[in-house]
PDB file of N, CA and C in Angstrom:
ATOM      1  N   UNK A   1     -50.754  35.522  36.252  1.00  0.00           N
ATOM      2  CA  UNK A   1     -50.619  36.473  36.084  1.00  0.00           C
ATOM      3  C   UNK A   1     -49.560  36.982  36.237  1.00  0.00           C
ATOM      4  N   UNK A   2     -49.428  38.419  35.410  1.00  0.00           N
ATOM      5  CA  UNK A   2     -48.277  39.067  35.286  1.00  0.00           C
ATOM      6  C   UNK A   2     -47.687  40.272  36.048  1.00  0.00           C
ATOM      7  N   UNK A   3     -46.518  40.316  35.989  1.00  0.00           N
ATOM      8  CA  UNK A   3     -46.461  40.860  37.008  1.00  0.00           C
ATOM      9  C   UNK A   3     -46.932  42.602  36.151  1.00  0.00           C
ATOM     10  N   UNK A   4     -46.459  44.109  36.319  1.00  0.00           N
ATOM     11  CA  UNK A   4     -47.117  45.103  36.030  1.00  0.00           C
ATOM     12  C   UNK A   4     -46.748  46.339  36.857  1.00  0.00           C
ATOM     13  N   UNK A   5     -45.815  47.599  36.075  1.00  0.00           N
ATOM     14  CA  UNK A   5     -46.259  48.364  37.406  1.00  0.00           C
ATOM     15  C   UNK A   5     -47.311  48.970  36.288  1.00  0.00           C
ATOM     16  N   UNK A   6     -48.267  48.996  36.178  1.00  0.00           N
ATOM     17  CA  UNK A   6     -49.022  50.585  35.504  1.00  0.00           C
ATOM     18  C   UNK A   6     -49.289  51.220  36.919  1.00  0.00           C
ATOM     19  N   UNK A   7     -49.876  50.207  37.784  1.00  0.00           N
ATOM     20  CA  UNK A   7     -50.567  50.777  38.890  1.00  0.00           C
ATOM     21  C   UNK A   7     -49.283  52.362  39.074  1.00  0.00           C
ATOM     22  N   UNK A   8     -48.651  51.352  39.199  1.00  0.00           N
ATOM     23  CA  UNK A   8     -47.349  52.646  40.402  1.00  0.00           C
ATOM     24  C   UNK A   8     -47.301  53.605  39.442  1.00  0.00           C
ATOM     25  N   UNK A   9     -47.190  53.417  37.836  1.00  0.00           N
ATOM     26  CA  UNK A   9     -47.201  54.997  37.088  1.00  0.00           C
ATOM     27  C   UNK A   9     -48.180  55.388  36.878  1.00  0.00           C
ATOM     28  N   UNK A  10     -49.553  54.882  36.821  1.00  0.00           N
ATOM     29  CA  UNK A  10     -50.560  55.725  36.597  1.00  0.00           C
ATOM     30  C   UNK A  10     -50.633  56.360  38.227  1.00  0.00           C
ATOM     31  N   UNK A  11     -50.651  56.577  39.308  1.00  0.00           N
ATOM     32  CA  UNK A  11     -50.637  56.490  40.570  1.00  0.00           C
ATOM     33  C   UNK A  11     -49.481  58.116  40.637  1.00  0.00           C
ATOM     34  N   UNK A  12     -48.592  57.406  40.185  1.00  0.00           N
ATOM     35  CA  UNK A  12     -46.932  58.752  40.155  1.00  0.00           C
ATOM     36  C   UNK A  12     -47.222  59.759  39.282  1.00  0.00           C
ATOM     37  N   UNK A  13     -47.960  59.378  38.136  1.00  0.00           N
ATOM     38  CA  UNK A  13     -48.419  60.724  36.889  1.00  0.00           C
ATOM     39  C   UNK A  13     -49.971  61.356  38.052  1.00  0.00           C
ATOM     40  N   UNK A  14     -50.305  60.977  39.003  1.00  0.00           N
ATOM     41  CA  UNK A  14     -51.998  61.328  39.662  1.00  0.00           C
ATOM     42  C   UNK A  14     -52.909  61.392  38.453  1.00  0.00           C
ATOM     43  N   UNK A  15     -53.349  60.139  37.987  1.00  0.00           N
ATOM     44  CA  UNK A  15     -54.148  59.873  36.959  1.00  0.00           C
ATOM     45  C   UNK A  15     -55.007  58.296  37.656  1.00  0.00           C
ATOM     46  N   UNK A  16     -56.376  58.861  37.971  1.00  0.00           N
ATOM     47  CA  UNK A  16     -57.231  57.594  37.990  1.00  0.00           C
ATOM     48  C   UNK A  16     -57.719  56.989  36.966  1.00  0.00           C
ATOM     49  N   UNK A  17     -58.062  55.498  37.612  1.00  0.00           N
ATOM     50  CA  UNK A  17     -58.229  54.198  36.849  1.00  0.00           C
ATOM     51  C   UNK A  17     -59.185  55.253  36.015  1.00  0.00           C
ATOM     52  N   UNK A  18     -59.644  56.038  35.690  1.00  0.00           N
ATOM     53  CA  UNK A  18     -61.269  56.658  34.375  1.00  0.00           C
ATOM     54  C   UNK A  18     -60.574  57.822  34.083  1.00  0.00           C
ATOM     55  N   UNK A  19     -59.292  58.035  34.634  1.00  0.00           N
ATOM     56  CA  UNK A  19     -59.034  59.174  33.300  1.00  0.00           C
ATOM     57  C   UNK A  19     -57.626  58.859  32.332  1.00  0.00           C
ATOM     58  N   UNK A  20     -56.547  57.778  33.180  1.00  0.00           N
ATOM     59  CA  UNK A  20     -55.854  57.328  32.362  1.00  0.00           C
ATOM     60  C   UNK A  20     -56.982  56.200  31.187  1.00  0.00           C
ATOM     61  N   UNK A  21     -58.118  55.690  31.262  1.00  0.00           N
ATOM     62  CA  UNK A  21     -59.340  54.978  30.513  1.00  0.00           C
ATOM     63  C   UNK A  21     -59.757  55.684  29.015  1.00  0.00           C
ATOM     64  N   UNK A  22     -60.316  57.067  30.215  1.00  0.00           N
ATOM     65  CA  UNK A  22     -60.441  58.256  28.898  1.00  0.00           C
ATOM     66  C   UNK A  22     -59.225  58.107  27.979  1.00  0.00           C
ATOM     67  N   UNK A  23     -58.510  58.945  28.042  1.00  0.00           N
ATOM     68  CA  UNK A  23     -57.541  59.299  27.281  1.00  0.00           C
ATOM     69  C   UNK A  23     -56.627  57.951  26.748  1.00  0.00           C
ATOM     70  N   UNK A  24     -57.074  56.957  26.617  1.00  0.00           N
ATOM     71  CA  UNK A  24     -56.051  55.328  26.110  1.00  0.00           C
ATOM     72  C   UNK A  24     -57.599  55.177  25.296  1.00  0.00           C
ATOM     73  N   UNK A  25     -58.483  55.142  25.786  1.00  0.00           N
ATOM     74  CA  UNK A  25     -59.844  55.204  25.290  1.00  0.00           C
ATOM     75  C   UNK A  25     -60.540  53.391  25.615  1.00  0.00           C
ATOM     76  N   UNK A  26     -60.312  53.291  26.918  1.00  0.00           N
ATOM     77  CA  UNK A  26     -60.892  51.519  27.170  1.00  0.00           C
ATOM     78  C   UNK A  26     -61.843  51.958  28.495  1.00  0.00           C
ATOM     79  N   UNK A  27     -61.996  50.756  28.711  1.00  0.00           N
ATOM     80  CA  UNK A  27     -63.140  50.970  29.651  1.00  0.00           C
ATOM     81  C   UNK A  27     -61.948  51.138  30.958  1.00  0.00           C
ATOM     82  N   UNK A  28     -61.819  51.894  32.433  1.00  0.00           N
ATOM     83  CA  UNK A  28     -62.640  51.691  33.374  1.00  0.00           C
ATOM     84  C   UNK A  28     -61.934  50.684  34.223  1.00  0.00           C
ATOM     85  N   UNK A  29     -62.650  49.502  34.108  1.00  0.00           N
ATOM     86  CA  UNK A  29     -62.736  47.904  33.524  1.00  0.00           C
ATOM     87  C   UNK A  29     -61.839  47.006  33.551  1.00  0.00           C
ATOM     88  N   UNK A  30     -61.009  47.638  31.840  1.00  0.00           N
ATOM     89  CA  UNK A  30     -60.129  46.432  31.699  1.00  0.00           C
ATOM     90  C   UNK A  30     -58.951  47.432  32.379  1.00  0.00           C
ATOM     91  N   UNK A  31     -58.916  48.668  32.497  1.00  0.00           N
ATOM     92  CA  UNK A  31     -57.309  49.358  33.589  1.00  0.00           C
ATOM     93  C   UNK A  31     -57.218  48.941  34.375  1.00  0.00           C
ATOM     94  N   UNK A  32     -58.321  48.063  35.545  1.00  0.00           N
ATOM     95  CA  UNK A  32     -57.888  48.418  37.143  1.00  0.00           C
ATOM     96  C   UNK A  32     -58.448  46.183  36.961  1.00  0.00           C
ATOM     97  N   UNK A  33     -57.971  45.354  35.278  1.00  0.00           N
ATOM     98  CA  UNK A  33     -57.573  44.563  35.360  1.00  0.00           C
ATOM     99  C   UNK A  33     -56.903  44.010  34.700  1.00  0.00           C
ATOM    100  N   UNK A  34     -55.929  45.097  34.312  1.00  0.00           N
ATOM    101  CA  UNK A  34     -54.600  45.101  34.060  1.00  0.00           C
ATOM    102  C   UNK A  34     -53.649  45.536  35.107  1.00  0.00           C
ATOM    103  N   UNK A  35     -53.796  46.124  35.821  1.00  0.00           N
ATOM    104  CA  UNK A  35     -53.403  46.126  37.033  1.00  0.00           C
ATOM    105  C   UNK A  35     -53.468  45.569  38.276  1.00  0.00           C
ATOM    106  N   UNK A  36     -54.430  44.464  37.977  1.00  0.00           N
ATOM    107  CA  UNK A  36     -54.577  42.812  38.842  1.00  0.00           C
ATOM    108  C   UNK A  36     -53.318  41.719  38.220  1.00  0.00           C
ATOM    109  N   UNK A  37     -52.559  42.488  37.504  1.00  0.00           N
ATOM    110  CA  UNK A  37     -51.899  41.230  36.688  1.00  0.00           C
ATOM    111  C   UNK A  37     -53.083  40.871  35.629  1.00  0.00           C
ATOM    112  N   UNK A  38     -54.250  40.667  34.947  1.00  0.00           N
ATOM    113  CA  UNK A  38     -54.210  39.783  34.492  1.00  0.00           C
ATOM    114  C   UNK A  38     -53.917  40.490  32.201  1.00  0.00           C
ATOM    115  N   UNK A  39     -53.495  39.962  31.587  1.00  0.00           N
ATOM    116  CA  UNK A  39     -53.364  39.186  30.579  1.00  0.00           C
ATOM    117  C   UNK A  39     -54.703  41.274  29.538  1.00  0.00           C
ATOM    118  N   UNK A  40     -53.215  41.482  28.908  1.00  0.00           N
ATOM    119  CA  UNK A  40     -54.290  41.549  27.429  1.00  0.00           C
ATOM    120  C   UNK A  40     -54.197  42.043  25.928  1.00  0.00           C
ATOM    121  N   UNK A  41     -54.932  43.460  25.433  1.00  0.00           N
ATOM    122  CA  UNK A  41     -54.462  42.066  24.149  1.00  0.00           C
ATOM    123  C   UNK A  41     -52.996  43.627  23.939  1.00  0.00           C
ATOM    124  N   UNK A  42     -52.574  43.094  22.244  1.00  0.00           N
ATOM    125  CA  UNK A  42     -51.204  44.286  21.714  1.00  0.00           C
ATOM    126  C   UNK A  42     -51.476  45.336  21.831  1.00  0.00           C
ATOM    127  N   UNK A  43     -53.066  45.718  20.999  1.00  0.00           N
ATOM    128  CA  UNK A  43     -53.639  47.041  20.986  1.00  0.00           C
ATOM    129  C   UNK A  43     -54.059  48.068  21.804  1.00  0.00           C
ATOM    130  N   UNK A  44     -54.335  47.265  22.965  1.00  0.00           N
ATOM    131  CA  UNK A  44     -54.709  47.546  24.616  1.00  0.00           C
ATOM    132  C   UNK A  44     -53.553  48.648  24.657  1.00  0.00           C
ATOM    133  N   UNK A  45     -52.291  47.225  25.241  1.00  0.00           N
ATOM    134  CA  UNK A  45     -51.429  47.464  25.310  1.00  0.00           C
ATOM    135  C   UNK A  45     -50.627  49.758  25.248  1.00  0.00           C
ATOM    136  N   UNK A  46     -50.961  49.295  23.464  1.00  0.00           N
ATOM    137  CA  UNK A  46     -50.394  50.487  23.071  1.00  0.00           C
ATOM    138  C   UNK A  46     -50.571  52.154  23.531  1.00  0.00           C
ATOM    139  N   UNK A  47     -52.521  51.310  23.463  1.00  0.00           N
ATOM    140  CA  UNK A  47     -52.885  52.329  23.523  1.00  0.00           C
ATOM    141  C   UNK A  47     -53.055  53.082  24.858  1.00  0.00           C
ATOM    142  N   UNK A  48     -52.675  52.103  26.488  1.00  0.00           N
ATOM    143  CA  UNK A  48     -52.383  52.701  27.505  1.00  0.00           C
ATOM    144  C   UNK A  48     -50.999  53.433  27.604  1.00  0.00           C
ATOM    145  N   UNK A  49     -49.477  52.903  26.041  1.00  0.00           N
ATOM    146  CA  UNK A  49     -49.008  53.378  26.685  1.00  0.00           C
ATOM    147  C   UNK A  49     -48.830  55.089  25.977  1.00  0.00           C
ATOM    148  N   UNK A  50     -49.297  55.110  24.810  1.00  0.00           N
ATOM    149  CA  UNK A  50     -49.803  56.364  23.794  1.00  0.00           C
ATOM    150  C   UNK A  50     -50.258  57.254  25.132  1.00  0.00           C
ATOM    151  N   UNK A  51     -50.978  56.757  25.697  1.00  0.00           N
ATOM    152  CA  UNK A  51     -51.724  57.156  26.628  1.00  0.00           C
ATOM    153  C   UNK A  51     -51.278  58.431  28.114  1.00  0.00           C
ATOM    154  N   UNK A  52     -50.078  57.455  28.548  1.00  0.00           N
ATOM    155  CA  UNK A  52     -48.716  57.672  29.228  1.00  0.00           C
ATOM    156  C   UNK A  52     -48.424  58.466  29.091  1.00  0.00           C
ATOM    157  N   UNK A  53     -47.658  58.815  27.216  1.00  0.00           N
ATOM    158  CA  UNK A  53     -46.324  59.447  27.353  1.00  0.00           C
ATOM    159  C   UNK A  53     -45.020  58.289  26.639  1.00  0.00           C
ATOM    160  N   UNK A  54     -45.586  56.967  26.680  1.00  0.00           N
ATOM    161  CA  UNK A  54     -44.581  56.422  26.597  1.00  0.00           C
ATOM    162  C   UNK A  54     -43.946  56.034  25.109  1.00  0.00           C
ATOM    163  N   UNK A  55     -43.383  55.426  24.531  1.00  0.00           N
ATOM    164  CA  UNK A  55     -43.765  54.782  22.689  1.00  0.00           C
ATOM    165  C   UNK A  55     -43.536  53.211  22.904  1.00  0.00           C
ATOM    166  N   UNK A  56     -43.485  52.656  22.525  1.00  0.00           N
ATOM    167  CA  UNK A  56     -44.124  51.081  22.019  1.00  0.00           C
ATOM    168  C   UNK A  56     -42.672  49.994  22.503  1.00  0.00           C
ATOM    169  N   UNK A  57     -41.541  51.066  23.023  1.00  0.00           N
ATOM    170  CA  UNK A  57     -40.048  50.158  22.823  1.00  0.00           C
ATOM    171  C   UNK A  57     -40.283  50.325  24.618  1.00  0.00           C
ATOM    172  N   UNK A  58     -41.040  51.017  25.411  1.00  0.00           N
ATOM    173  CA  UNK A  58     -40.785  50.963  26.620  1.00  0.00           C
ATOM    174  C   UNK A  58     -42.328  50.009  27.670  1.00  0.00           C
ATOM    175  N   UNK A  59     -42.516  49.387  26.072  1.00  0.00           N
ATOM    176  CA  UNK A  59     -43.829  47.971  27.106  1.00  0.00           C
ATOM    177  C   UNK A  59     -43.385  47.607  28.458  1.00  0.00           C
ATOM    178  N   UNK A  60     -41.793  47.008  28.537  1.00  0.00           N
ATOM    179  CA  UNK A  60     -41.540  46.116  29.129  1.00  0.00           C
ATOM    180  C   UNK A  60     -41.622  46.522  31.098  1.00  0.00           C
ATOM    181  N   UNK A  61     -40.765  48.771  30.810  1.00  0.00           N
ATOM    182  CA  UNK A  61     -41.027  48.855  31.617  1.00  0.00           C
ATOM    183  C   UNK A  61     -42.739  49.396  32.200  1.00  0.00           C
ATOM    184  N   UNK A  62     -43.646  49.320  31.303  1.00  0.00           N
ATOM    185  CA  UNK A  62     -44.973  49.224  32.415  1.00  0.00           C
ATOM    186  C   UNK A  62     -45.953  47.632  32.331  1.00  0.00           C
ATOM    187  N   UNK A  63     -45.531  47.036  31.162  1.00  0.00           N
ATOM    188  CA  UNK A  63     -45.862  45.734  31.544  1.00  0.00           C
ATOM    189  C   UNK A  63     -45.493  44.296  31.712  1.00  0.00           C
ATOM    190  N   UNK A  64     -44.113  44.988  32.242  1.00  0.00           N
ATOM    191  CA  UNK A  64     -43.512  43.557  32.395  1.00  0.00           C
ATOM    192  C   UNK A  64     -42.883  43.005  31.202  1.00  0.00           C
ATOM    193  N   UNK A  65     -42.200  41.305  31.904  1.00  0.00           N
ATOM    194  CA  UNK A  65     -42.023  40.119  29.952  1.00  0.00           C
ATOM    195  C   UNK A  65     -43.540  39.932  30.031  1.00  0.00           C
TER     196      UNK A  65
END
């Protein structure tokens, strides 16, 4: 499993899993899985980054290696 900062970043922005999921156009279950360290597709990462206001080059800040 990969270590990521998604939960910390989401909570610092005062967003629930459901709110982030709606903004990104994905399911809350997907957000939960990613926060637990499970892998996801690059397209899903791009959607989450956009919803958080990050650019694709900031991918490692959110998703780690």
